[in-house]
Amino acid sequence: MPAPAGLVQQLDQYLHRRRLLVPRMRLLVACSGGADSVALLKLLHAINESDYWHWKLIVGHVNHQLRGIESRRDEAFVRNLAKSLGVPFRGKKLNLKNAGAKRVVSENAARQGRYKALLAMAAAGHCDAVVLAHHADDQAETILMRLLRGAGVTGLAGMNEKEWRGDIALVRPMLPWPGGELKKWLMEIKQPWREDASNQETHYLRNRIRHELLPTLETYQPRIRELLQRNARHDRAAGDFLKLHARELLRAGHYRRGRYTVSVSANSIAQSHAAPAALALRMAIVDAGGDEDGINTTTLLEVVDKLQSGSLAGEIQFARAIRLKVIRGRINIFRARESGEKIRRPIKC
């Protein structure tokens, strides 16, 4: 076949350079039907026509069932797209429980349900990785969301290009490209996509950032998205260094992990520098079932300060029913599954 051109060539070269994917992998390509994921699928399919990669592509679609007939049309669109490309299709329907007077499912609940469904489909298809269509604009929005929630250096590093969920990798090869560039490419190749009207609804924080905050910031700094990306790379390098210290701190504190419960020596955390100590607590909270995006770094630093001064008393409450309490010289972090549920006894990892 002729050498790939334009965006296809750029992504092909980027994947060779970054080694996010390797030849002969089984890949579940997450596709919602929107422009970003349709572009990802078409790009990977085009790249795979070369004599180098030899991937086994599978299209994975998650139907959140939140938009009635439009959700069903999205699924039908993706199914037909996969068929036209000669790629197997896997779909999964979610039954997300609406909460609150406005019956709006939270962004976090939808995201968690989507990731769980994609990983289940990948496991069923014996896939090595789930490939996601997050791009440069998504990265900028994520960083601003985390900044508004009080994230520290690791949170401000944004989304990782590659991370692991057990034996399955989550890969985001499109992070260097803005969404507008992907839509432009789709129009050039005359490939339609589906528009999700809920992306315009500003009761979601991400949408408010996309439609209100980022455009306002661009009036002060037109290159704000590029600068956020650059800062994210710096923060990621610093965060990786801190993670090494935080993991060692947990090991030194005889870290124990049970179901919905973790435990570590309070003395080990208290004697450490505040930055790795706070990160170690963050890791422990995630292990206990907490949402990483919902953990406020300022609160973690306050906990570390109280541990160091010996003034921590009672329970500290985090989001998703996560509680922290010092019991007999050990920090116990647990997630209550039901009202009145007792702390499960931690076990050694």
Protein backbone atom coordinates (compact mmCIF):
# COMPACT_ATOMS: atom_id res chain seq x y z
CA MET A 1 0.00 0.00 0.00
CA PRO A 2 1.20 3.62 -0.44
CA ALA A 3 2.82 5.40 2.49
CA PRO A 4 0.23 6.91 4.85
CA ALA A 5 -0.24 10.67 4.61
CA GLY A 6 -1.39 13.49 6.87
CA LEU A 7 -2.86 12.62 10.25
CA VAL A 8 -2.55 8.89 9.58
CA GLN A 9 1.18 9.27 9.06
CA GLN A 10 1.55 11.50 12.12
CA LEU A 11 -0.14 8.99 14.39
CA ASP A 12 1.78 6.08 12.83
CA GLN A 13 5.09 7.82 13.49
CA TYR A 14 4.01 8.82 17.00
CA LEU A 15 3.15 5.21 17.88
CA HIS A 16 6.52 4.05 16.57
CA ARG A 17 8.26 6.72 18.63
CA ARG A 18 6.34 6.30 21.88
CA ARG A 19 5.83 2.52 21.75
CA LEU A 20 2.38 2.84 23.31
CA LEU A 21 1.28 -0.13 21.22
CA VAL A 22 3.28 -2.97 19.72
CA PRO A 23 2.61 -5.25 16.74
CA ARG A 24 0.15 -8.16 16.92
CA MET A 25 -1.76 -6.85 19.92
CA ARG A 26 -5.48 -7.45 20.36
CA LEU A 27 -6.99 -3.98 20.80
CA LEU A 28 -10.45 -2.98 21.97
CA VAL A 29 -11.05 0.42 20.38
CA ALA A 30 -13.58 2.35 22.47
CA CYS A 31 -16.04 4.07 20.14
CA SER A 32 -19.04 6.11 21.27
CA GLY A 33 -19.95 7.29 17.78
CA GLY A 34 -18.71 10.82 18.47
CA ALA A 35 -16.11 12.54 16.30
CA ASP A 36 -13.12 11.79 18.55
CA SER A 37 -13.65 8.04 18.84
CA VAL A 38 -14.72 7.63 15.21
CA ALA A 39 -11.49 9.37 14.16
CA LEU A 40 -9.49 7.08 16.47
CA LEU A 41 -11.09 3.95 14.98
CA LYS A 42 -10.61 5.11 11.38
CA LEU A 43 -7.00 6.13 12.05
CA LEU A 44 -6.05 2.84 13.71
CA HIS A 45 -7.78 0.89 10.95
CA ALA A 46 -5.85 2.86 8.29
CA ILE A 47 -2.53 2.41 10.09
CA ASN A 48 -3.20 -1.30 10.49
CA GLU A 49 -3.32 -1.73 6.71
CA SER A 50 0.47 -1.48 6.68
CA ASP A 51 2.68 -4.57 6.85
CA TYR A 52 4.00 -3.66 10.30
CA TRP A 53 1.36 -3.60 13.05
CA HIS A 54 -0.89 -6.63 12.37
CA TRP A 55 -3.28 -5.70 15.20
CA LYS A 56 -6.50 -7.53 15.86
CA LEU A 57 -8.99 -4.67 16.22
CA ILE A 58 -12.31 -5.01 18.06
CA VAL A 59 -14.79 -2.14 18.39
CA GLY A 60 -16.18 -1.65 21.91
CA HIS A 61 -19.29 0.48 22.45
CA VAL A 62 -20.89 1.36 25.79
CA ASN A 63 -24.57 2.33 25.67
CA HIS A 64 -25.26 4.40 28.79
CA GLN A 65 -29.01 4.33 28.01
CA LEU A 66 -29.35 7.92 29.19
CA ARG A 67 -30.61 9.53 25.96
CA GLY A 68 -33.40 7.21 24.90
CA ILE A 69 -33.64 6.63 21.16
CA GLU A 70 -30.49 8.69 20.56
CA SER A 71 -28.45 6.20 22.61
CA ARG A 72 -29.84 3.35 20.51
CA ARG A 73 -29.01 5.23 17.31
CA ASP A 74 -25.46 5.79 18.56
CA GLU A 75 -25.06 2.05 19.10
CA ALA A 76 -26.50 1.24 15.66
CA PHE A 77 -24.16 3.77 14.05
CA VAL A 78 -21.07 2.27 15.68
CA ARG A 79 -22.19 -1.28 14.88
CA ASN A 80 -22.61 -0.35 11.21
CA LEU A 81 -19.27 1.47 11.16
CA ALA A 82 -17.51 -1.58 12.56
CA LYS A 83 -19.23 -3.78 9.96
CA SER A 84 -18.15 -1.47 7.12
CA LEU A 85 -14.54 -1.76 8.30
CA GLY A 86 -14.73 -5.52 8.74
CA VAL A 87 -14.00 -5.18 12.47
CA PRO A 88 -15.81 -7.25 15.17
CA PHE A 89 -18.24 -5.30 17.35
CA ARG A 90 -18.83 -5.71 21.08
CA GLY A 91 -21.46 -3.71 22.92
CA LYS A 92 -22.57 -3.38 26.52
CA LYS A 93 -25.57 -1.58 27.98
CA LEU A 94 -25.33 0.16 31.34
CA ASN A 95 -28.11 0.62 33.86
CA LEU A 96 -26.93 3.72 35.68
CA LYS A 97 -29.11 4.85 38.56
CA ASN A 98 -30.19 8.46 38.30
CA ALA A 99 -29.79 10.46 41.48
CA GLY A 100 -31.14 13.75 42.76
CA ALA A 101 -34.17 15.83 41.92
CA LYS A 102 -32.97 16.56 38.38
CA ARG A 103 -32.36 12.87 37.66
CA VAL A 104 -28.84 13.61 36.40
CA VAL A 105 -26.25 10.85 36.48
CA SER A 106 -22.92 12.16 37.77
CA GLU A 107 -19.92 12.41 35.47
CA ASN A 108 -18.00 10.12 37.79
CA ALA A 109 -20.70 7.43 37.83
CA ALA A 110 -20.88 7.44 34.02
CA ARG A 111 -17.10 7.31 33.68
CA GLN A 112 -16.68 4.51 36.21
CA GLY A 113 -19.44 2.49 34.58
CA ARG A 114 -17.96 3.04 31.13
CA TYR A 115 -14.44 1.98 32.13
CA LYS A 116 -15.75 -1.10 33.92
CA ALA A 117 -17.75 -2.10 30.84
CA LEU A 118 -14.83 -1.53 28.46
CA LEU A 119 -12.45 -3.56 30.62
CA ALA A 120 -15.01 -6.38 30.83
CA MET A 121 -15.36 -6.40 27.04
CA ALA A 122 -11.58 -6.35 26.63
CA ALA A 123 -11.17 -9.28 29.01
CA ALA A 124 -13.92 -11.25 27.23
CA GLY A 125 -12.18 -10.59 23.90
CA HIS A 126 -8.74 -11.52 25.28
CA CYS A 127 -7.51 -8.01 24.43
CA ASP A 128 -4.17 -6.60 25.52
CA ALA A 129 -5.37 -2.99 25.66
CA VAL A 130 -8.34 -0.64 25.52
CA VAL A 131 -7.58 2.29 23.21
CA LEU A 132 -9.30 5.55 24.16
CA ALA A 133 -9.84 8.70 22.10
CA HIS A 134 -8.96 11.39 24.67
CA HIS A 135 -7.23 14.28 22.92
CA ALA A 136 -5.44 17.53 23.79
CA ASP A 137 -8.64 19.44 24.60
CA ASP A 138 -9.81 16.67 26.93
CA GLN A 139 -6.44 16.84 28.68
CA ALA A 140 -6.73 20.60 29.21
CA GLU A 141 -10.26 20.19 30.60
CA THR A 142 -9.16 17.39 32.93
CA ILE A 143 -6.28 19.44 34.33
CA LEU A 144 -8.56 22.43 35.00
CA MET A 145 -11.17 20.18 36.65
CA ARG A 146 -8.54 18.76 38.96
CA LEU A 147 -7.11 22.20 39.68
CA LEU A 148 -10.55 23.42 40.75
CA ARG A 149 -10.87 20.40 43.05
CA GLY A 150 -7.53 21.09 44.75
CA ALA A 151 -5.35 18.47 43.05
CA GLY A 152 -1.61 18.26 43.69
CA VAL A 153 1.27 17.64 41.33
CA THR A 154 0.19 14.12 40.33
CA GLY A 155 -3.36 15.22 39.58
CA LEU A 156 -2.19 18.19 37.52
CA ALA A 157 -0.17 15.78 35.38
CA GLY A 158 -3.48 15.01 33.68
CA MET A 159 -4.33 11.73 31.98
CA ASN A 160 -1.58 9.23 31.30
CA GLU A 161 -0.82 8.07 27.78
CA LYS A 162 -0.71 4.54 29.14
CA GLU A 163 -1.80 3.03 32.43
CA TRP A 164 -2.63 -0.45 33.62
CA ARG A 165 -5.80 -1.96 35.00
CA GLY A 166 -4.64 -5.42 35.98
CA ASP A 167 -3.32 -7.12 32.84
CA ILE A 168 -5.07 -4.71 30.47
CA ALA A 169 -3.55 -1.39 29.39
CA LEU A 170 -5.55 1.80 28.89
CA VAL A 171 -3.88 3.63 26.01
CA ARG A 172 -4.56 7.22 24.90
CA PRO A 173 -2.59 7.78 21.68
CA MET A 174 -4.47 10.95 20.61
CA LEU A 175 -3.41 13.25 23.48
CA PRO A 176 -1.10 15.41 21.31
CA TRP A 177 -3.90 16.37 18.86
CA PRO A 178 -6.75 18.86 19.49
CA GLY A 179 -10.32 17.76 18.84
CA GLY A 180 -10.77 20.30 16.04
CA GLU A 181 -8.00 18.65 14.06
CA LEU A 182 -9.72 15.26 14.35
CA LYS A 183 -13.04 16.70 13.10
CA LYS A 184 -11.26 18.43 10.22
CA TRP A 185 -9.72 15.10 9.17
CA LEU A 186 -13.09 13.33 9.33
CA MET A 187 -14.61 15.99 7.09
CA GLU A 188 -11.73 15.60 4.64
CA ILE A 189 -12.38 11.86 4.30
CA LYS A 190 -16.17 12.45 4.32
CA GLN A 191 -16.71 10.27 7.40
CA PRO A 192 -19.83 11.21 9.42
CA TRP A 193 -20.13 10.94 13.19
CA ARG A 194 -22.79 11.28 15.87
CA GLU A 195 -23.34 14.43 17.91
CA ASP A 196 -24.25 14.04 21.60
CA ALA A 197 -26.53 16.92 22.62
CA SER A 198 -25.66 16.36 26.29
CA ASN A 199 -22.16 17.69 25.56
CA GLN A 200 -23.75 21.14 25.46
CA GLU A 201 -25.46 20.84 28.86
CA THR A 202 -23.62 23.01 31.37
CA HIS A 203 -24.77 21.27 34.55
CA TYR A 204 -21.76 18.99 33.98
CA LEU A 205 -18.54 20.55 35.27
CA ARG A 206 -16.49 19.38 32.26
CA ASN A 207 -18.95 21.02 29.87
CA ARG A 208 -18.85 24.30 31.80
CA ILE A 209 -15.07 24.25 31.60
CA ARG A 210 -15.22 23.46 27.87
CA HIS A 211 -17.81 26.07 26.91
CA GLU A 212 -17.23 28.80 29.51
CA LEU A 213 -13.92 28.65 31.41
CA LEU A 214 -11.48 27.66 28.65
CA PRO A 215 -12.77 30.27 26.15
CA THR A 216 -12.48 32.91 28.89
CA LEU A 217 -8.91 31.83 29.73
CA GLU A 218 -8.03 32.03 26.04
CA THR A 219 -8.83 35.73 26.09
CA TYR A 220 -5.97 36.10 28.60
CA GLN A 221 -3.66 33.47 27.07
CA PRO A 222 -4.53 32.19 23.56
CA ARG A 223 -2.09 29.27 24.03
CA ILE A 224 -3.57 28.12 27.35
CA ARG A 225 -4.27 24.57 26.10
CA GLU A 226 -0.70 24.15 24.89
CA LEU A 227 0.69 25.54 28.16
CA LEU A 228 -1.48 23.20 30.24
CA GLN A 229 -0.17 20.27 28.20
CA ARG A 230 3.43 21.38 28.72
CA ASN A 231 2.96 21.84 32.45
CA ALA A 232 1.30 18.41 32.61
CA ARG A 233 4.45 16.80 31.19
CA HIS A 234 6.58 18.54 33.83
CA ASP A 235 4.18 17.56 36.61
CA ARG A 236 4.13 13.96 35.37
CA ALA A 237 7.92 13.74 35.67
CA ALA A 238 7.83 15.21 39.19
CA GLY A 239 4.89 12.99 40.10
CA ASP A 240 6.71 9.83 38.99
CA PHE A 241 9.59 10.75 41.31
CA LEU A 242 7.21 11.34 44.22
CA LYS A 243 5.39 8.06 43.58
CA LEU A 244 8.62 6.11 44.09
CA HIS A 245 9.01 7.70 47.54
CA ALA A 246 5.33 7.23 48.38
CA ARG A 247 5.42 3.52 47.53
CA GLU A 248 8.54 3.05 49.64
CA LEU A 249 6.81 4.90 52.46
CA LEU A 250 3.86 2.49 52.33
CA ARG A 251 6.19 -0.52 52.30
CA ALA A 252 8.10 0.84 55.29
CA GLY A 253 4.78 1.33 57.09
CA HIS A 254 3.84 -2.37 56.69
CA TYR A 255 1.02 -1.55 54.31
CA ARG A 256 -1.94 -3.91 54.51
CA ARG A 257 -4.83 -4.16 52.12
CA GLY A 258 -8.20 -5.82 52.53
CA ARG A 259 -11.51 -5.52 50.76
CA TYR A 260 -12.53 -1.84 50.95
CA THR A 261 -9.92 -1.39 53.72
CA VAL A 262 -6.26 -0.43 53.88
CA SER A 263 -3.93 0.15 56.82
CA VAL A 264 -0.48 1.68 57.28
CA SER A 265 1.70 2.75 60.21
CA ALA A 266 0.79 6.26 61.35
CA ASN A 267 4.35 6.80 62.57
CA SER A 268 5.78 6.01 59.13
CA ILE A 269 3.57 8.63 57.49
CA ALA A 270 4.12 11.21 60.24
CA GLN A 271 7.92 11.04 60.03
CA SER A 272 8.01 11.59 56.26
CA HIS A 273 8.12 14.78 54.24
CA ALA A 274 4.62 16.13 53.65
CA ALA A 275 4.56 15.69 49.83
CA PRO A 276 5.28 11.92 49.61
CA ALA A 277 3.23 11.35 52.78
CA ALA A 278 0.17 13.01 51.21
CA LEU A 279 0.67 11.03 48.01
CA ALA A 280 0.96 7.78 49.99
CA LEU A 281 -2.39 8.57 51.64
CA ARG A 282 -3.89 9.31 48.22
CA MET A 283 -2.73 5.90 46.94
CA ALA A 284 -4.19 4.22 50.00
CA ILE A 285 -7.54 5.99 49.57
CA VAL A 286 -7.73 4.84 45.94
CA ASP A 287 -6.91 1.28 47.05
CA ALA A 288 -9.81 1.48 49.49
CA GLY A 289 -12.20 2.39 46.68
CA GLY A 290 -11.94 6.18 46.61
CA ASP A 291 -12.19 8.27 43.45
CA GLU A 292 -8.78 9.75 42.65
CA ASP A 293 -10.27 12.85 41.01
CA GLY A 294 -12.32 13.56 44.14
CA ILE A 295 -9.39 13.62 46.59
CA ASN A 296 -8.41 17.13 47.66
CA THR A 297 -4.64 17.49 48.14
CA THR A 298 -5.12 20.34 50.62
CA THR A 299 -7.12 18.01 52.85
CA LEU A 300 -4.43 15.33 52.58
CA LEU A 301 -1.74 17.82 53.61
CA GLU A 302 -3.88 18.87 56.58
CA VAL A 303 -4.16 15.21 57.62
CA VAL A 304 -0.38 14.81 57.37
CA ASP A 305 0.12 17.99 59.42
CA LYS A 306 -2.20 16.68 62.15
CA LEU A 307 -0.43 13.33 62.17
CA GLN A 308 2.92 15.07 62.55
CA SER A 309 1.63 17.24 65.40
CA GLY A 310 -0.26 14.38 67.05
CA SER A 311 -3.53 16.30 66.88
CA LEU A 312 -5.52 14.00 64.57
CA ALA A 313 -8.69 12.95 66.40
CA GLY A 314 -11.86 11.27 65.24
CA GLU A 315 -12.64 10.35 61.65
CA ILE A 316 -11.80 12.24 58.47
CA GLN A 317 -14.52 11.89 55.82
CA PHE A 318 -13.69 11.85 52.11
CA ALA A 319 -15.93 11.48 49.05
CA ARG A 320 -17.56 8.12 48.20
CA ALA A 321 -17.98 7.22 51.89
CA ILE A 322 -14.21 6.96 52.44
CA ARG A 323 -13.18 7.40 56.06
CA LEU A 324 -9.77 7.72 57.69
CA LYS A 325 -9.10 7.01 61.34
CA VAL A 326 -6.03 6.20 63.48
CA ILE A 327 -6.53 3.01 65.50
CA ARG A 328 -3.75 1.67 67.74
CA GLY A 329 -0.98 3.46 65.90
CA ARG A 330 -2.17 2.59 62.42
CA ILE A 331 -4.01 4.68 59.87
CA ASN A 332 -7.13 2.79 58.79
CA ILE A 333 -8.82 3.91 55.58
CA PHE A 334 -12.08 2.21 54.67
CA ARG A 335 -15.12 2.58 52.50
CA ALA A 336 -18.48 1.91 54.13
CA ARG A 337 -20.56 -0.18 51.73
CA GLU A 338 -23.73 0.27 53.74
CA SER A 339 -24.85 2.42 56.64
CA GLY A 340 -23.37 1.06 59.84
CA GLU A 341 -20.95 -1.32 58.13
CA LYS A 342 -18.02 -2.24 60.36
CA ILE A 343 -14.36 -1.82 59.43
CA ARG A 344 -13.05 -4.98 57.85
CA ARG A 345 -9.81 -6.17 59.35
CA PRO A 346 -6.93 -5.44 56.96
CA ILE A 347 -4.73 -8.26 55.74
CA LYS A 348 -1.11 -8.15 54.63
CA CYS A 349 -0.66 -7.70 50.87
